[in-house]
Amino acid sequence: MPRAINPALLKPMTVSADLEKVVGKGPMPRSQVVKKLWEYIKKNNLQNPANKRNIFADENLKPIFGKDEVNMFEMTKLVSKHLS
C-alpha cells in the first residue's frame, strides 16, 4: 500500500525575506522550498567535499542557518523558522 502524502508538505507557505533571496518568491510548499534550496546548494558548490551531508553557508544562507556550516538534517529544521 503506498504511503499517504502528508498534506502539510503541500500547503503553500509564506517565505521570509532572507529565504526568498535563495528560493525565490513565495508562497510555496515546504517540499518546493527544500528542493530549491538543494538546487542552490549544488549550483554554488556549498556541500562539504569531505562530508556531503554538511552544507557551508554563504552570505545568503548565513542569515537562514545562523552559522557557517550545518548538516542536512539540521537544515530543514532551521529553514522551517523562515516559513509561515
PDB file of N, CA and C in Angstrom:
ATOM      1  N   MET A   1       0.841  -1.176   0.000  1.00  0.00           N
ATOM      2  CA  MET A   1       0.000   0.000   0.000  1.00  0.00           C
ATOM      3  C   MET A   1       0.893   1.249   0.000  1.00  0.00           C
ATOM      4  N   PRO A   2       0.702   2.165  -0.925  1.00  0.00           N
ATOM      5  CA  PRO A   2       1.547   3.363  -0.971  1.00  0.00           C
ATOM      6  C   PRO A   2       1.298   4.264   0.236  1.00  0.00           C
ATOM      7  N   ARG A   3       2.378   4.937   0.642  1.00  0.00           N
ATOM      8  CA  ARG A   3       2.269   5.870   1.765  1.00  0.00           C
ATOM      9  C   ARG A   3       1.438   7.075   1.378  1.00  0.00           C
ATOM     10  N   ALA A   4       0.642   7.534   2.297  1.00  0.00           N
ATOM     11  CA  ALA A   4      -0.170   8.730   2.058  1.00  0.00           C
ATOM     12  C   ALA A   4       0.728   9.960   2.120  1.00  0.00           C
ATOM     13  N   ILE A   5       0.474  10.911   1.258  1.00  0.00           N
ATOM     14  CA  ILE A   5       1.241  12.150   1.240  1.00  0.00           C
ATOM     15  C   ILE A   5       0.728  13.047   2.353  1.00  0.00           C
ATOM     16  N   ASN A   6       1.664  13.585   3.111  1.00  0.00           N
ATOM     17  CA  ASN A   6       1.307  14.486   4.199  1.00  0.00           C
ATOM     18  C   ASN A   6       0.828  15.805   3.604  1.00  0.00           C
ATOM     19  N   PRO A   7      -0.428  16.192   3.807  1.00  0.00           N
ATOM     20  CA  PRO A   7      -0.940  17.431   3.203  1.00  0.00           C
ATOM     21  C   PRO A   7      -0.208  18.683   3.691  1.00  0.00           C
ATOM     22  N   ALA A   8       0.421  18.617   4.865  1.00  0.00           N
ATOM     23  CA  ALA A   8       1.167  19.773   5.379  1.00  0.00           C
ATOM     24  C   ALA A   8       2.355  20.099   4.478  1.00  0.00           C
ATOM     25  N   LEU A   9       2.907  19.086   3.814  1.00  0.00           N
ATOM     26  CA  LEU A   9       4.049  19.315   2.921  1.00  0.00           C
ATOM     27  C   LEU A   9       3.637  20.018   1.635  1.00  0.00           C
ATOM     28  N   LEU A  10       2.367  19.958   1.294  1.00  0.00           N
ATOM     29  CA  LEU A  10       1.880  20.549   0.048  1.00  0.00           C
ATOM     30  C   LEU A  10       1.247  21.923   0.245  1.00  0.00           C
ATOM     31  N   LYS A  11       1.050  22.312   1.498  1.00  0.00           N
ATOM     32  CA  LYS A  11       0.404  23.592   1.798  1.00  0.00           C
ATOM     33  C   LYS A  11       1.346  24.749   1.461  1.00  0.00           C
ATOM     34  N   PRO A  12       0.904  25.701   0.643  1.00  0.00           N
ATOM     35  CA  PRO A  12       1.760  26.858   0.334  1.00  0.00           C
ATOM     36  C   PRO A  12       2.072  27.655   1.599  1.00  0.00           C
ATOM     37  N   MET A  13       3.356  27.968   1.774  1.00  0.00           N
ATOM     38  CA  MET A  13       3.830  28.698   2.949  1.00  0.00           C
ATOM     39  C   MET A  13       4.399  30.043   2.513  1.00  0.00           C
ATOM     40  N   THR A  14       4.295  31.025   3.384  1.00  0.00           N
ATOM     41  CA  THR A  14       4.914  32.324   3.138  1.00  0.00           C
ATOM     42  C   THR A  14       6.396  32.199   3.443  1.00  0.00           C
ATOM     43  N   VAL A  15       7.235  32.713   2.554  1.00  0.00           N
ATOM     44  CA  VAL A  15       8.690  32.603   2.662  1.00  0.00           C
ATOM     45  C   VAL A  15       9.240  33.920   3.215  1.00  0.00           C
ATOM     46  N   SER A  16      10.172  33.830   4.192  1.00  0.00           N
ATOM     47  CA  SER A  16      10.769  35.043   4.760  1.00  0.00           C
ATOM     48  C   SER A  16      11.611  35.764   3.705  1.00  0.00           C
ATOM     49  N   ALA A  17      11.923  37.022   3.956  1.00  0.00           N
ATOM     50  CA  ALA A  17      12.725  37.815   3.013  1.00  0.00           C
ATOM     51  C   ALA A  17      14.110  37.202   2.827  1.00  0.00           C
ATOM     52  N   ASP A  18      14.715  36.693   3.906  1.00  0.00           N
ATOM     53  CA  ASP A  18      16.044  36.070   3.803  1.00  0.00           C
ATOM     54  C   ASP A  18      15.996  34.816   2.939  1.00  0.00           C
ATOM     55  N   LEU A  19      14.996  33.989   3.164  1.00  0.00           N
ATOM     56  CA  LEU A  19      14.866  32.744   2.399  1.00  0.00           C
ATOM     57  C   LEU A  19      14.485  33.027   0.952  1.00  0.00           C
ATOM     58  N   GLU A  20      13.719  34.080   0.742  1.00  0.00           N
ATOM     59  CA  GLU A  20      13.300  34.478  -0.603  1.00  0.00           C
ATOM     60  C   GLU A  20      14.501  34.768  -1.508  1.00  0.00           C
ATOM     61  N   LYS A  21      15.597  35.260  -0.946  1.00  0.00           N
ATOM     62  CA  LYS A  21      16.816  35.543  -1.719  1.00  0.00           C
ATOM     63  C   LYS A  21      17.395  34.271  -2.324  1.00  0.00           C
ATOM     64  N   VAL A  22      17.121  33.132  -1.693  1.00  0.00           N
ATOM     65  CA  VAL A  22      17.686  31.854  -2.134  1.00  0.00           C
ATOM     66  C   VAL A  22      16.702  31.064  -2.998  1.00  0.00           C
ATOM     67  N   VAL A  23      15.443  30.980  -2.570  1.00  0.00           N
ATOM     68  CA  VAL A  23      14.481  30.101  -3.249  1.00  0.00           C
ATOM     69  C   VAL A  23      13.495  30.830  -4.147  1.00  0.00           C
ATOM     70  N   GLY A  24      13.463  32.146  -4.084  1.00  0.00           N
ATOM     71  CA  GLY A  24      12.528  32.910  -4.902  1.00  0.00           C
ATOM     72  C   GLY A  24      11.274  33.274  -4.128  1.00  0.00           C
ATOM     73  N   LYS A  25      10.384  33.978  -4.823  1.00  0.00           N
ATOM     74  CA  LYS A  25       9.153  34.484  -4.191  1.00  0.00           C
ATOM     75  C   LYS A  25       8.218  33.346  -3.806  1.00  0.00           C
ATOM     76  N   GLY A  26       7.599  33.490  -2.655  1.00  0.00           N
ATOM     77  CA  GLY A  26       6.602  32.541  -2.194  1.00  0.00           C
ATOM     78  C   GLY A  26       5.229  33.063  -2.543  1.00  0.00           C
ATOM     79  N   PRO A  27       4.188  32.489  -2.063  1.00  0.00           N
ATOM     80  CA  PRO A  27       4.193  31.291  -1.227  1.00  0.00           C
ATOM     81  C   PRO A  27       4.464  30.026  -2.045  1.00  0.00           C
ATOM     82  N   MET A  28       5.034  29.042  -1.354  1.00  0.00           N
ATOM     83  CA  MET A  28       5.303  27.751  -1.995  1.00  0.00           C
ATOM     84  C   MET A  28       5.302  26.658  -0.935  1.00  0.00           C
ATOM     85  N   PRO A  29       5.008  25.422  -1.336  1.00  0.00           N
ATOM     86  CA  PRO A  29       5.008  24.314  -0.379  1.00  0.00           C
ATOM     87  C   PRO A  29       6.411  24.079   0.180  1.00  0.00           C
ATOM     88  N   ARG A  30       6.452  23.554   1.390  1.00  0.00           N
ATOM     89  CA  ARG A  30       7.728  23.246   2.053  1.00  0.00           C
ATOM     90  C   ARG A  30       8.605  22.346   1.173  1.00  0.00           C
ATOM     91  N   SER A  31       7.993  21.383   0.495  1.00  0.00           N
ATOM     92  CA  SER A  31       8.754  20.469  -0.363  1.00  0.00           C
ATOM     93  C   SER A  31       9.456  21.227  -1.487  1.00  0.00           C
ATOM     94  N   GLN A  32       8.798  22.228  -2.044  1.00  0.00           N
ATOM     95  CA  GLN A  32       9.390  23.038  -3.112  1.00  0.00           C
ATOM     96  C   GLN A  32      10.520  23.909  -2.564  1.00  0.00           C
ATOM     97  N   VAL A  33      10.348  24.420  -1.349  1.00  0.00           N
ATOM     98  CA  VAL A  33      11.393  25.231  -0.711  1.00  0.00           C
ATOM     99  C   VAL A  33      12.658  24.397  -0.548  1.00  0.00           C
ATOM    100  N   VAL A  34      12.511  23.182  -0.030  1.00  0.00           N
ATOM    101  CA  VAL A  34      13.666  22.306   0.187  1.00  0.00           C
ATOM    102  C   VAL A  34      14.311  21.943  -1.147  1.00  0.00           C
ATOM    103  N   LYS A  35      13.500  21.662  -2.158  1.00  0.00           N
ATOM    104  CA  LYS A  35      14.027  21.332  -3.489  1.00  0.00           C
ATOM    105  C   LYS A  35      14.852  22.489  -4.046  1.00  0.00           C
ATOM    106  N   LYS A  36      14.325  23.712  -3.968  1.00  0.00           N
ATOM    107  CA  LYS A  36      15.035  24.882  -4.489  1.00  0.00           C
ATOM    108  C   LYS A  36      16.286  25.186  -3.667  1.00  0.00           C
ATOM    109  N   LEU A  37      16.225  24.912  -2.385  1.00  0.00           N
ATOM    110  CA  LEU A  37      17.388  25.109  -1.522  1.00  0.00           C
ATOM    111  C   LEU A  37      18.521  24.172  -1.937  1.00  0.00           C
ATOM    112  N   TRP A  38      18.180  22.914  -2.208  1.00  0.00           N
ATOM    113  CA  TRP A  38      19.195  21.959  -2.661  1.00  0.00           C
ATOM    114  C   TRP A  38      19.755  22.352  -4.032  1.00  0.00           C
ATOM    115  N   GLU A  39      18.913  22.858  -4.913  1.00  0.00           N
ATOM    116  CA  GLU A  39      19.397  23.334  -6.215  1.00  0.00           C
ATOM    117  C   GLU A  39      20.417  24.449  -6.016  1.00  0.00           C
ATOM    118  N   TYR A  40      20.123  25.372  -5.118  1.00  0.00           N
ATOM    119  CA  TYR A  40      21.026  26.493  -4.819  1.00  0.00           C
ATOM    120  C   TYR A  40      22.346  25.976  -4.236  1.00  0.00           C
ATOM    121  N   ILE A  41      22.258  25.038  -3.293  1.00  0.00           N
ATOM    122  CA  ILE A  41      23.451  24.482  -2.646  1.00  0.00           C
ATOM    123  C   ILE A  41      24.344  23.800  -3.673  1.00  0.00           C
ATOM    124  N   LYS A  42      23.771  22.996  -4.544  1.00  0.00           N
ATOM    125  CA  LYS A  42      24.561  22.282  -5.555  1.00  0.00           C
ATOM    126  C   LYS A  42      25.117  23.229  -6.608  1.00  0.00           C
ATOM    127  N   LYS A  43      24.312  24.204  -7.035  1.00  0.00           N
ATOM    128  CA  LYS A  43      24.757  25.165  -8.047  1.00  0.00           C
ATOM    129  C   LYS A  43      25.948  25.979  -7.551  1.00  0.00           C
ATOM    130  N   ASN A  44      25.951  26.297  -6.258  1.00  0.00           N
ATOM    131  CA  ASN A  44      27.011  27.111  -5.675  1.00  0.00           C
ATOM    132  C   ASN A  44      28.087  26.286  -4.973  1.00  0.00           C
ATOM    133  N   ASN A  45      28.042  24.959  -5.153  1.00  0.00           N
ATOM    134  CA  ASN A  45      29.062  24.057  -4.621  1.00  0.00           C
ATOM    135  C   ASN A  45      29.275  24.274  -3.120  1.00  0.00           C
ATOM    136  N   LEU A  46      28.189  24.219  -2.353  1.00  0.00           N
ATOM    137  CA  LEU A  46      28.251  24.509  -0.922  1.00  0.00           C
ATOM    138  C   LEU A  46      28.259  23.259  -0.040  1.00  0.00           C
ATOM    139  N   GLN A  47      28.297  22.075  -0.659  1.00  0.00           N
ATOM    140  CA  GLN A  47      28.407  20.860   0.141  1.00  0.00           C
ATOM    141  C   GLN A  47      29.863  20.650   0.523  1.00  0.00           C
ATOM    142  N   ASN A  48      30.087  20.210   1.757  1.00  0.00           N
ATOM    143  CA  ASN A  48      31.437  19.902   2.216  1.00  0.00           C
ATOM    144  C   ASN A  48      31.928  18.689   1.420  1.00  0.00           C
ATOM    145  N   PRO A  49      33.046  18.823   0.678  1.00  0.00           N
ATOM    146  CA  PRO A  49      33.511  17.693  -0.143  1.00  0.00           C
ATOM    147  C   PRO A  49      33.905  16.469   0.688  1.00  0.00           C
ATOM    148  N   ALA A  50      34.331  16.673   1.925  1.00  0.00           N
ATOM    149  CA  ALA A  50      34.724  15.560   2.787  1.00  0.00           C
ATOM    150  C   ALA A  50      33.509  14.848   3.382  1.00  0.00           C
ATOM    151  N   ASN A  51      32.415  15.569   3.557  1.00  0.00           N
ATOM    152  CA  ASN A  51      31.187  15.000   4.116  1.00  0.00           C
ATOM    153  C   ASN A  51      30.001  15.702   3.468  1.00  0.00           C
ATOM    154  N   LYS A  52      29.449  15.094   2.444  1.00  0.00           N
ATOM    155  CA  LYS A  52      28.399  15.723   1.626  1.00  0.00           C
ATOM    156  C   LYS A  52      27.123  16.033   2.415  1.00  0.00           C
ATOM    157  N   ARG A  53      26.992  15.477   3.627  1.00  0.00           N
ATOM    158  CA  ARG A  53      25.813  15.780   4.448  1.00  0.00           C
ATOM    159  C   ARG A  53      25.899  17.167   5.074  1.00  0.00           C
ATOM    160  N   ASN A  54      27.081  17.762   5.054  1.00  0.00           N
ATOM    161  CA  ASN A  54      27.263  19.091   5.641  1.00  0.00           C
ATOM    162  C   ASN A  54      27.236  20.159   4.561  1.00  0.00           C
ATOM    163  N   ILE A  55      26.610  21.274   4.893  1.00  0.00           N
ATOM    164  CA  ILE A  55      26.445  22.378   3.941  1.00  0.00           C
ATOM    165  C   ILE A  55      27.118  23.616   4.503  1.00  0.00           C
ATOM    166  N   PHE A  56      27.942  24.252   3.670  1.00  0.00           N
ATOM    167  CA  PHE A  56      28.570  25.515   4.040  1.00  0.00           C
ATOM    168  C   PHE A  56      27.584  26.641   3.760  1.00  0.00           C
ATOM    169  N   ALA A  57      27.523  27.609   4.657  1.00  0.00           N
ATOM    170  CA  ALA A  57      26.629  28.751   4.468  1.00  0.00           C
ATOM    171  C   ALA A  57      27.383  29.882   3.783  1.00  0.00           C
ATOM    172  N   ASP A  58      26.852  30.366   2.660  1.00  0.00           N
ATOM    173  CA  ASP A  58      27.415  31.559   2.021  1.00  0.00           C
ATOM    174  C   ASP A  58      26.691  32.780   2.590  1.00  0.00           C
ATOM    175  N   GLU A  59      26.920  33.948   2.003  1.00  0.00           N
ATOM    176  CA  GLU A  59      26.319  35.182   2.542  1.00  0.00           C
ATOM    177  C   GLU A  59      24.788  35.164   2.501  1.00  0.00           C
ATOM    178  N   ASN A  60      24.193  34.397   1.584  1.00  0.00           N
ATOM    179  CA  ASN A  60      22.728  34.307   1.521  1.00  0.00           C
ATOM    180  C   ASN A  60      22.154  33.285   2.508  1.00  0.00           C
ATOM    181  N   LEU A  61      22.919  32.240   2.805  1.00  0.00           N
ATOM    182  CA  LEU A  61      22.418  31.194   3.698  1.00  0.00           C
ATOM    183  C   LEU A  61      22.695  31.479   5.173  1.00  0.00           C
ATOM    184  N   LYS A  62      23.720  32.273   5.458  1.00  0.00           N
ATOM    185  CA  LYS A  62      24.090  32.540   6.848  1.00  0.00           C
ATOM    186  C   LYS A  62      22.938  33.138   7.667  1.00  0.00           C
ATOM    187  N   PRO A  63      22.143  34.099   7.125  1.00  0.00           N
ATOM    188  CA  PRO A  63      21.011  34.609   7.913  1.00  0.00           C
ATOM    189  C   PRO A  63      19.932  33.545   8.179  1.00  0.00           C
ATOM    190  N   ILE A  64      19.862  32.546   7.330  1.00  0.00           N
ATOM    191  CA  ILE A  64      18.872  31.477   7.494  1.00  0.00           C
ATOM    192  C   ILE A  64      19.372  30.445   8.504  1.00  0.00           C
ATOM    193  N   PHE A  65      20.636  30.026   8.343  1.00  0.00           N
ATOM    194  CA  PHE A  65      21.207  28.989   9.198  1.00  0.00           C
ATOM    195  C   PHE A  65      21.689  29.535  10.541  1.00  0.00           C
ATOM    196  N   GLY A  66      22.191  30.760  10.546  1.00  0.00           N
ATOM    197  CA  GLY A  66      22.714  31.345  11.774  1.00  0.00           C
ATOM    198  C   GLY A  66      24.113  30.893  12.125  1.00  0.00           C
ATOM    199  N   LYS A  67      24.760  30.130  11.231  1.00  0.00           N
ATOM    200  CA  LYS A  67      26.144  29.696  11.448  1.00  0.00           C
ATOM    201  C   LYS A  67      26.789  29.332  10.122  1.00  0.00           C
ATOM    202  N   ASP A  68      28.071  28.984  10.168  1.00  0.00           N
ATOM    203  CA  ASP A  68      28.853  28.766   8.948  1.00  0.00           C
ATOM    204  C   ASP A  68      28.610  27.414   8.280  1.00  0.00           C
ATOM    205  N   GLU A  69      28.213  26.405   9.054  1.00  0.00           N
ATOM    206  CA  GLU A  69      28.033  25.067   8.492  1.00  0.00           C
ATOM    207  C   GLU A  69      26.930  24.337   9.251  1.00  0.00           C
ATOM    208  N   VAL A  70      26.076  23.630   8.513  1.00  0.00           N
ATOM    209  CA  VAL A  70      25.006  22.827   9.124  1.00  0.00           C
ATOM    210  C   VAL A  70      24.953  21.477   8.428  1.00  0.00           C
ATOM    211  N   ASN A  71      24.365  20.477   9.112  1.00  0.00           N
ATOM    212  CA  ASN A  71      24.157  19.210   8.404  1.00  0.00           C
ATOM    213  C   ASN A  71      22.778  19.244   7.759  1.00  0.00           C
ATOM    214  N   MET A  72      22.550  18.351   6.823  1.00  0.00           N
ATOM    215  CA  MET A  72      21.334  18.422   6.013  1.00  0.00           C
ATOM    216  C   MET A  72      20.069  18.194   6.837  1.00  0.00           C
ATOM    217  N   PHE A  73      20.177  17.484   7.950  1.00  0.00           N
ATOM    218  CA  PHE A  73      19.003  17.245   8.790  1.00  0.00           C
ATOM    219  C   PHE A  73      18.669  18.494   9.604  1.00  0.00           C
ATOM    220  N   GLU A  74      19.695  19.152  10.081  1.00  0.00           N
ATOM    221  CA  GLU A  74      19.524  20.403  10.823  1.00  0.00           C
ATOM    222  C   GLU A  74      18.988  21.504   9.901  1.00  0.00           C
ATOM    223  N   MET A  75      19.388  21.460   8.636  1.00  0.00           N
ATOM    224  CA  MET A  75      18.994  22.478   7.665  1.00  0.00           C
ATOM    225  C   MET A  75      17.472  22.602   7.566  1.00  0.00           C
ATOM    226  N   THR A  76      16.770  21.485   7.462  1.00  0.00           N
ATOM    227  CA  THR A  76      15.316  21.545   7.304  1.00  0.00           C
ATOM    228  C   THR A  76      14.653  22.156   8.536  1.00  0.00           C
ATOM    229  N   LYS A  77      15.202  21.883   9.719  1.00  0.00           N
ATOM    230  CA  LYS A  77      14.670  22.470  10.949  1.00  0.00           C
ATOM    231  C   LYS A  77      14.876  23.984  10.953  1.00  0.00           C
ATOM    232  N   LEU A  78      16.055  24.435  10.542  1.00  0.00           N
ATOM    233  CA  LEU A  78      16.360  25.864  10.525  1.00  0.00           C
ATOM    234  C   LEU A  78      15.525  26.602   9.477  1.00  0.00           C
ATOM    235  N   VAL A  79      15.297  25.963   8.342  1.00  0.00           N
ATOM    236  CA  VAL A  79      14.513  26.580   7.267  1.00  0.00           C
ATOM    237  C   VAL A  79      13.058  26.754   7.699  1.00  0.00           C
ATOM    238  N   SER A  80      12.540  25.826   8.496  1.00  0.00           N
ATOM    239  CA  SER A  80      11.131  25.915   8.904  1.00  0.00           C
ATOM    240  C   SER A  80      10.847  27.183   9.707  1.00  0.00           C
ATOM    241  N   LYS A  81      11.864  27.751  10.344  1.00  0.00           N
ATOM    242  CA  LYS A  81      11.690  29.008  11.082  1.00  0.00           C
ATOM    243  C   LYS A  81      11.441  30.182  10.136  1.00  0.00           C
ATOM    244  N   HIS A  82      11.758  30.005   8.857  1.00  0.00           N
ATOM    245  CA  HIS A  82      11.596  31.064   7.859  1.00  0.00           C
ATOM    246  C   HIS A  82      10.347  30.865   6.999  1.00  0.00           C
ATOM    247  N   LEU A  83       9.484  29.946   7.428  1.00  0.00           N
ATOM    248  CA  LEU A  83       8.223  29.681   6.725  1.00  0.00           C
ATOM    249  C   LEU A  83       7.058  29.939   7.674  1.00  0.00           C
ATOM    250  N   SER A  84       6.010  30.530   7.139  1.00  0.00           N
ATOM    251  CA  SER A  84       4.824  30.738   7.984  1.00  0.00           C
ATOM    252  C   SER A  84       3.550  30.560   7.166  1.00  0.00           C
TER     253      SER A  84
END
